[in-house]
C-alpha atoms as a PDB file:
ATOM      1  CA  MET A   1      38.244 194.013 225.824  1.00  0.00           C
ATOM      2  CA  ILE A   2      41.035 192.194 227.791  1.00  0.00           C
ATOM      3  CA  LEU A   3      39.562 188.759 228.717  1.00  0.00           C
ATOM      4  CA  GLU A   4      41.980 188.103 231.543  1.00  0.00           C
ATOM      5  CA  ARG A   5      43.318 184.730 232.485  1.00  0.00           C
ATOM      6  CA  ARG A   6      45.559 185.118 235.358  1.00  0.00           C
ATOM      7  CA  ASN A   7      47.906 182.812 236.793  1.00  0.00           C
ATOM      8  CA  PHE A   8      49.340 185.495 239.340  1.00  0.00           C
ATOM      9  CA  MET A   9      51.060 183.116 242.296  1.00  0.00           C
ATOM     10  CA  ASN A  10      50.084 179.088 242.324  1.00  0.00           C
ATOM     11  CA  PHE A  11      51.736 178.271 245.441  1.00  0.00           C
ATOM     12  CA  ASN A  12      50.160 174.673 245.341  1.00  0.00           C
ATOM     13  CA  LYS A  13      52.609 174.606 242.097  1.00  0.00           C
ATOM     14  CA  LEU A  14      55.601 176.549 243.840  1.00  0.00           C
ATOM     15  CA  GLY A  15      55.561 174.299 246.353  1.00  0.00           C
ATOM     16  CA  THR A  16      55.839 171.515 244.088  1.00  0.00           C
ATOM     17  CA  ASN A  17      58.887 172.944 242.919  1.00  0.00           C
ATOM     18  CA  ILE A  18      60.862 173.573 246.617  1.00  0.00           C
ATOM     19  CA  LYS A  19      60.227 170.285 247.297  1.00  0.00           C
ATOM     20  CA  GLN A  20      62.362 169.841 244.026  1.00  0.00           C
ATOM     21  CA  PRO A  21      65.838 171.867 244.646  1.00  0.00           C
ATOM     22  CA  LYS A  22      67.342 171.153 241.141  1.00  0.00           C
ATOM     23  CA  ASP A  23      64.321 172.914 240.045  1.00  0.00           C
ATOM     24  CA  MET A  24      64.110 175.908 242.108  1.00  0.00           C
ATOM     25  CA  PRO A  25      67.377 176.152 244.034  1.00  0.00           C
ATOM     26  CA  ASP A  26      67.921 179.742 245.134  1.00  0.00           C
ATOM     27  CA  ILE A  27      64.724 181.706 245.483  1.00  0.00           C
ATOM     28  CA  LYS A  28      64.661 182.272 249.317  1.00  0.00           C
ATOM     29  CA  ASN A  29      62.510 185.239 249.762  1.00  0.00           C
ATOM     30  CA  LEU A  30      59.095 184.788 248.205  1.00  0.00           C
ATOM     31  CA  GLN A  31      58.235 188.403 248.454  1.00  0.00           C
ATOM     32  CA  LYS A  32      60.767 189.688 245.856  1.00  0.00           C
ATOM     33  CA  LEU A  33      59.077 187.322 243.511  1.00  0.00           C
ATOM     34  CA  GLY A  34      55.708 188.385 244.472  1.00  0.00           C
ATOM     35  CA  LYS A  35      57.013 191.924 243.757  1.00  0.00           C
ATOM     36  CA  LEU A  36      58.531 191.032 240.445  1.00  0.00           C
ATOM     37  CA  TYR A  37      55.488 189.844 239.267  1.00  0.00           C
ATOM     38  CA  GLN A  38      53.211 192.499 240.806  1.00  0.00           C
ATOM     39  CA  LEU A  39      55.105 194.581 238.478  1.00  0.00           C
ATOM     40  CA  GLY A  40      54.733 192.664 235.583  1.00  0.00           C
ATOM     41  CA  GLU A  41      51.137 192.297 236.203  1.00  0.00           C
ATOM     42  CA  ALA A  42      51.206 196.241 236.380  1.00  0.00           C
ATOM     43  CA  GLY A  43      52.950 196.798 233.195  1.00  0.00           C
ATOM     44  CA  ALA A  44      50.586 194.378 231.019  1.00  0.00           C
ATOM     45  CA  ASN A  45      47.360 196.694 232.467  1.00  0.00           C
ATOM     46  CA  GLU A  46      49.540 199.535 230.785  1.00  0.00           C
ATOM     47  CA  ILE A  47      49.921 198.249 228.082  1.00  0.00           C
ATOM     48  CA  GLY A  48      46.237 196.719 227.854  1.00  0.00           C
ATOM     49  CA  THR A  49      44.868 200.224 228.818  1.00  0.00           C
ATOM     50  CA  LYS A  50      47.142 201.892 225.761  1.00  0.00           C
ATOM     51  CA  LEU A  51      45.455 199.197 223.363  1.00  0.00           C
ATOM     52  CA  GLU A  52      41.989 199.581 224.227  1.00  0.00           C
ATOM     53  CA  ASN A  53      42.256 203.411 223.841  1.00  0.00           C
ATOM     54  CA  LEU A  54      43.865 203.029 220.186  1.00  0.00           C
ATOM     55  CA  ASP A  55      41.328 200.955 219.549  1.00  0.00           C
ATOM     56  CA  ALA A  56      38.295 203.315 220.996  1.00  0.00           C
ATOM     57  CA  GLU A  57      39.712 205.893 218.624  1.00  0.00           C
ATOM     58  CA  PHE A  58      39.472 203.980 215.337  1.00  0.00           C
ATOM     59  CA  GLN A  59      35.967 202.743 216.302  1.00  0.00           C
ATOM     60  CA  VAL A  60      35.223 206.883 216.518  1.00  0.00           C
ATOM     61  CA  ASN A  61      37.267 207.947 213.645  1.00  0.00           C
ATOM     62  CA  TYR A  62      37.521 205.050 211.060  1.00  0.00           C
ATOM     63  CA  ASP A  63      34.344 203.153 212.342  1.00  0.00           C
ATOM     64  CA  HIS A  64      36.420 200.433 212.404  1.00  0.00           C
ATOM     65  CA  ASN A  65      38.049 198.131 215.404  1.00  0.00           C
ATOM     66  CA  PRO A  66      41.316 196.888 214.702  1.00  0.00           C
ATOM     67  CA  ILE A  67      41.489 194.541 218.114  1.00  0.00           C
ATOM     68  CA  HIS A  68      39.028 191.703 217.795  1.00  0.00           C
ATOM     69  CA  HIS A  69      39.667 190.227 221.582  1.00  0.00           C
ATOM     70  CA  MET A  70      42.811 190.406 224.035  1.00  0.00           C
ATOM     71  CA  GLU A  71      43.617 187.973 226.778  1.00  0.00           C
ATOM     72  CA  GLU A  72      46.647 188.920 229.661  1.00  0.00           C
ATOM     73  CA  ARG A  73      48.492 186.346 231.221  1.00  0.00           C
ATOM     74  CA  MET A  74      51.257 185.936 233.980  1.00  0.00           C
ATOM     75  CA  LYS A  75      53.337 183.096 233.434  1.00  0.00           C
ATOM     76  CA  ASP A  76      52.740 180.623 236.149  1.00  0.00           C
ATOM     77  CA  VAL A  77      55.670 179.665 238.481  1.00  0.00           C
ATOM     78  CA  GLN A  78      56.054 176.019 237.284  1.00  0.00           C
ATOM     79  CA  SER A  79      56.668 177.202 233.880  1.00  0.00           C
ATOM     80  CA  LEU A  80      58.836 179.949 234.876  1.00  0.00           C
ATOM     81  CA  ALA A  81      61.016 177.082 236.735  1.00  0.00           C
ATOM     82  CA  GLU A  82      61.312 174.886 233.900  1.00  0.00           C
ATOM     83  CA  LYS A  83      61.900 177.938 231.293  1.00  0.00           C
ATOM     84  CA  MET A  84      64.733 178.794 233.854  1.00  0.00           C
ATOM     85  CA  ARG A  85      65.896 175.213 233.775  1.00  0.00           C
ATOM     86  CA  ARG A  86      66.139 174.733 229.985  1.00  0.00           C
ATOM     87  CA  LYS A  87      67.741 178.264 229.283  1.00  0.00           C
ATOM     88  CA  GLY A  88      70.688 176.424 231.884  1.00  0.00           C
ATOM     89  CA  TYR A  89      70.015 179.838 234.327  1.00  0.00           C
ATOM     90  CA  GLU A  90      70.348 179.179 238.582  1.00  0.00           C
ATOM     91  CA  MET A  91      66.534 180.430 239.636  1.00  0.00           C
ATOM     92  CA  THR A  92      67.076 183.895 241.223  1.00  0.00           C
ATOM     93  CA  ILE A  93      65.578 186.890 240.972  1.00  0.00           C
ATOM     94  CA  ASP A  94      68.107 188.168 239.340  1.00  0.00           C
ATOM     95  CA  ASN A  95      68.619 186.080 236.621  1.00  0.00           C
ATOM     96  CA  ILE A  96      65.026 186.147 236.498  1.00  0.00           C
ATOM     97  CA  GLU A  97      64.903 189.911 235.736  1.00  0.00           C
ATOM     98  CA  MET A  98      68.008 189.777 233.209  1.00  0.00           C
ATOM     99  CA  HIS A  99      67.025 186.772 231.224  1.00  0.00           C
ATOM    100  CA  ILE A 100      63.225 186.365 231.420  1.00  0.00           C
ATOM    101  CA  PHE A 101      61.232 189.028 229.409  1.00  0.00           C
ATOM    102  CA  ASP A 102      57.552 187.190 229.142  1.00  0.00           C
ATOM    103  CA  ILE A 103      56.687 186.948 232.935  1.00  0.00           C
ATOM    104  CA  ALA A 104      53.598 189.448 231.993  1.00  0.00           C
ATOM    105  CA  GLY A 105      52.350 189.167 228.661  1.00  0.00           C
ATOM    106  CA  ILE A 106      48.984 189.603 226.509  1.00  0.00           C
ATOM    107  CA  ARG A 107      47.857 187.955 223.418  1.00  0.00           C
ATOM    108  CA  VAL A 108      45.831 190.599 220.693  1.00  0.00           C
ATOM    109  CA  ILE A 109      43.652 189.402 218.334  1.00  0.00           C
ATOM    110  CA  THR A 110      42.647 190.739 215.371  1.00  0.00           C
ATOM    111  CA  ASN A 111      40.109 191.221 212.916  1.00  0.00           C
ATOM    112  CA  TYR A 112      42.353 191.416 210.045  1.00  0.00           C
ATOM    113  CA  ILE A 113      46.440 191.092 208.760  1.00  0.00           C
ATOM    114  CA  ASP A 114      46.751 194.339 208.349  1.00  0.00           C
ATOM    115  CA  ASP A 115      45.925 195.392 212.150  1.00  0.00           C
ATOM    116  CA  VAL A 116      48.620 192.996 213.415  1.00  0.00           C
ATOM    117  CA  TYR A 117      51.124 195.418 211.873  1.00  0.00           C
ATOM    118  CA  LEU A 118      48.756 198.925 212.640  1.00  0.00           C
ATOM    119  CA  ILE A 119      48.527 197.657 215.743  1.00  0.00           C
ATOM    120  CA  GLU A 120      52.465 197.225 216.364  1.00  0.00           C
ATOM    121  CA  LYS A 121      53.035 200.475 214.783  1.00  0.00           C
ATOM    122  CA  LEU A 122      51.233 202.856 216.518  1.00  0.00           C
ATOM    123  CA  LEU A 123      52.130 201.043 220.216  1.00  0.00           C
ATOM    124  CA  VAL A 124      55.455 201.399 219.493  1.00  0.00           C
ATOM    125  CA  ASN A 125      55.383 204.770 218.667  1.00  0.00           C
ATOM    126  CA  GLN A 126      54.205 205.764 221.609  1.00  0.00           C
ATOM    127  CA  SER A 127      57.018 208.052 223.435  1.00  0.00           C
ATOM    128  CA  ASP A 128      56.560 205.876 226.870  1.00  0.00           C
ATOM    129  CA  VAL A 129      56.984 202.428 225.145  1.00  0.00           C
ATOM    130  CA  THR A 130      60.684 201.241 223.959  1.00  0.00           C
ATOM    131  CA  LEU A 131      60.125 198.155 221.634  1.00  0.00           C
ATOM    132  CA  ILE A 132      62.904 195.627 223.021  1.00  0.00           C
ATOM    133  CA  LYS A 133      62.476 192.116 221.063  1.00  0.00           C
ATOM    134  CA  ARG A 134      60.774 191.489 217.807  1.00  0.00           C
ATOM    135  CA  LYS A 135      59.988 188.495 215.924  1.00  0.00           C
ATOM    136  CA  ASP A 136      57.597 187.767 213.264  1.00  0.00           C
ATOM    137  CA  TYR A 137      56.445 184.432 212.593  1.00  0.00           C
ATOM    138  CA  ILE A 138      53.631 186.078 210.145  1.00  0.00           C
ATOM    139  CA  LYS A 139      56.350 186.637 207.297  1.00  0.00           C
ATOM    140  CA  ASN A 140      58.644 183.710 208.861  1.00  0.00           C
ATOM    141  CA  PRO A 141      56.357 181.190 209.898  1.00  0.00           C
ATOM    142  CA  LYS A 142      57.463 178.556 212.480  1.00  0.00           C
ATOM    143  CA  ALA A 143      58.486 175.288 210.881  1.00  0.00           C
ATOM    144  CA  SER A 144      55.342 174.252 212.565  1.00  0.00           C
ATOM    145  CA  GLY A 145      53.122 176.867 210.461  1.00  0.00           C
ATOM    146  CA  TYR A 146      52.939 178.544 213.642  1.00  0.00           C
ATOM    147  CA  ARG A 147      51.740 182.235 212.791  1.00  0.00           C
ATOM    148  CA  SER A 148      51.892 185.248 215.261  1.00  0.00           C
ATOM    149  CA  LEU A 149      54.250 188.671 215.343  1.00  0.00           C
ATOM    150  CA  HIS A 150      55.692 188.689 219.121  1.00  0.00           C
ATOM    151  CA  LEU A 151      56.921 191.990 220.666  1.00  0.00           C
ATOM    152  CA  VAL A 152      58.852 192.600 224.352  1.00  0.00           C
ATOM    153  CA  VAL A 153      58.077 196.022 225.223  1.00  0.00           C
ATOM    154  CA  SER A 154      59.582 197.979 227.836  1.00  0.00           C
ATOM    155  CA  VAL A 155      56.846 200.410 229.780  1.00  0.00           C
ATOM    156  CA  PRO A 156      57.308 202.690 232.664  1.00  0.00           C
ATOM    157  CA  VAL A 157      54.682 201.634 235.829  1.00  0.00           C
ATOM    158  CA  PHE A 158      54.541 204.227 238.669  1.00  0.00           C
ATOM    159  CA  GLN A 159      54.589 203.038 241.658  1.00  0.00           C
ATOM    160  CA  SER A 160      54.549 204.781 245.234  1.00  0.00           C
ATOM    161  CA  LYS A 161      58.888 204.974 245.049  1.00  0.00           C
ATOM    162  CA  GLY A 162      58.826 205.950 241.879  1.00  0.00           C
ATOM    163  CA  SER A 163      58.702 204.559 238.296  1.00  0.00           C
ATOM    164  CA  ARG A 164      60.364 201.374 236.947  1.00  0.00           C
ATOM    165  CA  ASP A 165      60.516 200.109 233.461  1.00  0.00           C
ATOM    166  CA  VAL A 166      58.690 196.733 232.973  1.00  0.00           C
ATOM    167  CA  ASN A 167      58.695 194.546 230.502  1.00  0.00           C
ATOM    168  CA  VAL A 168      55.986 192.810 228.479  1.00  0.00           C
ATOM    169  CA  GLU A 169      55.700 190.485 226.262  1.00  0.00           C
ATOM    170  CA  ILE A 170      53.072 191.159 223.364  1.00  0.00           C
ATOM    171  CA  GLN A 171      51.470 188.238 220.958  1.00  0.00           C
ATOM    172  CA  ILE A 172      49.462 189.643 217.823  1.00  0.00           C
ATOM    173  CA  ARG A 173      47.724 187.876 215.670  1.00  0.00           C
ATOM    174  CA  THR A 174      44.442 187.277 213.384  1.00  0.00           C
ATOM    175  CA  VAL A 175      41.487 185.161 214.303  1.00  0.00           C
ATOM    176  CA  GLY A 176      42.581 182.329 212.249  1.00  0.00           C
ATOM    177  CA  MET A 177      45.610 182.225 213.233  1.00  0.00           C
ATOM    178  CA  ASP A 178      44.854 182.275 216.971  1.00  0.00           C
ATOM    179  CA  MET A 179      42.159 179.511 216.177  1.00  0.00           C
ATOM    180  CA  TRP A 180      44.852 177.287 214.665  1.00  0.00           C
ATOM    181  CA  ALA A 181      47.341 177.863 217.332  1.00  0.00           C
ATOM    182  CA  SER A 182      45.303 176.378 219.955  1.00  0.00           C
ATOM    183  CA  LEU A 183      43.957 173.801 218.015  1.00  0.00           C
ATOM    184  CA  GLU A 184      48.047 172.595 216.970  1.00  0.00           C
ATOM    185  CA  HIS A 185      48.844 173.057 220.635  1.00  0.00           C
ATOM    186  CA  LYS A 186      46.116 171.392 221.859  1.00  0.00           C
ATOM    187  CA  LEU A 187      46.906 168.164 219.519  1.00  0.00           C
ATOM    188  CA  ARG A 188      50.930 168.337 219.788  1.00  0.00           C
ATOM    189  CA  TYR A 189      50.839 169.417 223.525  1.00  0.00           C
ATOM    190  CA  LYS A 190      47.890 166.738 224.715  1.00  0.00           C
ATOM    191  CA  ASN A 191      49.804 164.018 226.870  1.00  0.00           C
ATOM    192  CA  ASP A 192      47.888 160.831 225.807  1.00  0.00           C
ATOM    193  CA  ILE A 193      48.572 161.154 222.058  1.00  0.00           C
ATOM    194  CA  ASP A 194      51.560 159.421 220.411  1.00  0.00           C
ATOM    195  CA  ASP A 195      54.329 161.045 219.491  1.00  0.00           C
ATOM    196  CA  LYS A 196      54.396 159.511 216.540  1.00  0.00           C
ATOM    197  CA  LEU A 197      50.817 160.252 215.261  1.00  0.00           C
ATOM    198  CA  VAL A 198      51.875 163.195 216.413  1.00  0.00           C
ATOM    199  CA  SER A 199      55.080 163.491 213.774  1.00  0.00           C
ATOM    200  CA  GLN A 200      52.325 161.520 210.941  1.00  0.00           C
ATOM    201  CA  TYR A 201      50.163 164.770 210.717  1.00  0.00           C
ATOM    202  CA  SER A 202      52.954 167.579 211.380  1.00  0.00           C
ATOM    203  CA  ASN A 203      52.995 168.172 207.540  1.00  0.00           C
ATOM    204  CA  ASP A 204      48.426 167.933 208.009  1.00  0.00           C
ATOM    205  CA  LEU A 205      48.587 171.173 210.672  1.00  0.00           C
ATOM    206  CA  HIS A 206      51.268 173.018 208.748  1.00  0.00           C
ATOM    207  CA  GLY A 207      49.431 172.767 205.572  1.00  0.00           C
ATOM    208  CA  TYR A 208      46.032 173.509 207.651  1.00  0.00           C
ATOM    209  CA  ALA A 209      47.804 176.741 208.735  1.00  0.00           C
ATOM    210  CA  GLU A 210      47.800 177.880 205.155  1.00  0.00           C
ATOM    211  CA  GLU A 211      44.063 177.976 204.646  1.00  0.00           C
ATOM    212  CA  PRO A 212      42.740 180.815 207.238  1.00  0.00           C
ATOM    213  CA  SER A 213      45.908 182.724 206.155  1.00  0.00           C
ATOM    214  CA  GLY A 214      44.448 182.715 202.473  1.00  0.00           C
ATOM    215  CA  ILE A 215      40.487 183.181 203.778  1.00  0.00           C
ATOM    216  CA  GLU A 216      41.830 186.183 206.021  1.00  0.00           C
ATOM    217  CA  THR A 217      44.110 187.763 203.183  1.00  0.00           C
ATOM    218  CA  LYS A 218      40.669 187.760 200.860  1.00  0.00           C
ATOM    219  CA  MET A 219      38.427 189.139 203.185  1.00  0.00           C
ATOM    220  CA  GLN A 220      41.063 191.962 203.862  1.00  0.00           C
ATOM    221  CA  GLY A 221      40.309 192.808 200.451  1.00  0.00           C
ATOM    222  CA  ILE A 222      36.554 192.671 200.365  1.00  0.00           C
ATOM    223  CA  TYR A 223      36.608 194.790 203.518  1.00  0.00           C
ATOM    224  CA  LYS A 224      39.338 197.669 202.243  1.00  0.00           C
ATOM    225  CA  LYS A 225      36.864 197.898 198.867  1.00  0.00           C
ATOM    226  CA  LEU A 226      33.688 197.993 200.365  1.00  0.00           C
ATOM    227  CA  ASN A 227      35.168 200.296 203.002  1.00  0.00           C
ATOM    228  CA  ASN A 228      37.140 202.426 201.346  1.00  0.00           C
ATOM    229  CA  TYR A 229      39.274 201.819 204.120  1.00  0.00           C
ATOM    230  CA  GLU A 230      42.682 203.977 204.388  1.00  0.00           C
ATOM    231  CA  VAL A 231      44.318 204.937 207.623  1.00  0.00           C
END
């Protein structure tokens, strides 16, 4: 179910940053950073397993798979360093643990809009999952037109010396939202495109975001009528 895209520890990028003290001034113990990433990966695996189990249950009980597919990722060290710099935090392990919640992440792609909120409800209602943050960019899209439900949850990870609560970011969105976000990201952040052109066509990109949303709402309505689908 999970299509894994692992970035675990890219030491080539890490080495580049170490040569630039302003980016990574105080990380003296790479082993601690490695342990932090390992915990994050374990947390993402825990959430991934829970989601796979929920999807399998719905297939058996309702002949419906709310999850189209999932992608697991670990934030690469270059992106971590850049985010810490943008936030104005010194690059230390303590600051990373205190202020960065998306080292580990899972993107959940659903078939229908209702499935987004169904997955959220079922996941956060589990006794060992704690909701830390929630941002609903579906009901309140970003200015660019971006739509997605963003959650940060905490889940216990069992290690040889005991249990640790680990934060995992979960992005839940439909196939159409994911397609738009992927294409928009490539267009907006492609290095060889003039910023003026990107700005010129930003209104078009925003308008195009409405189109898949409208189609998905209609398709969802048809699906419900044909299958008498209720949970």
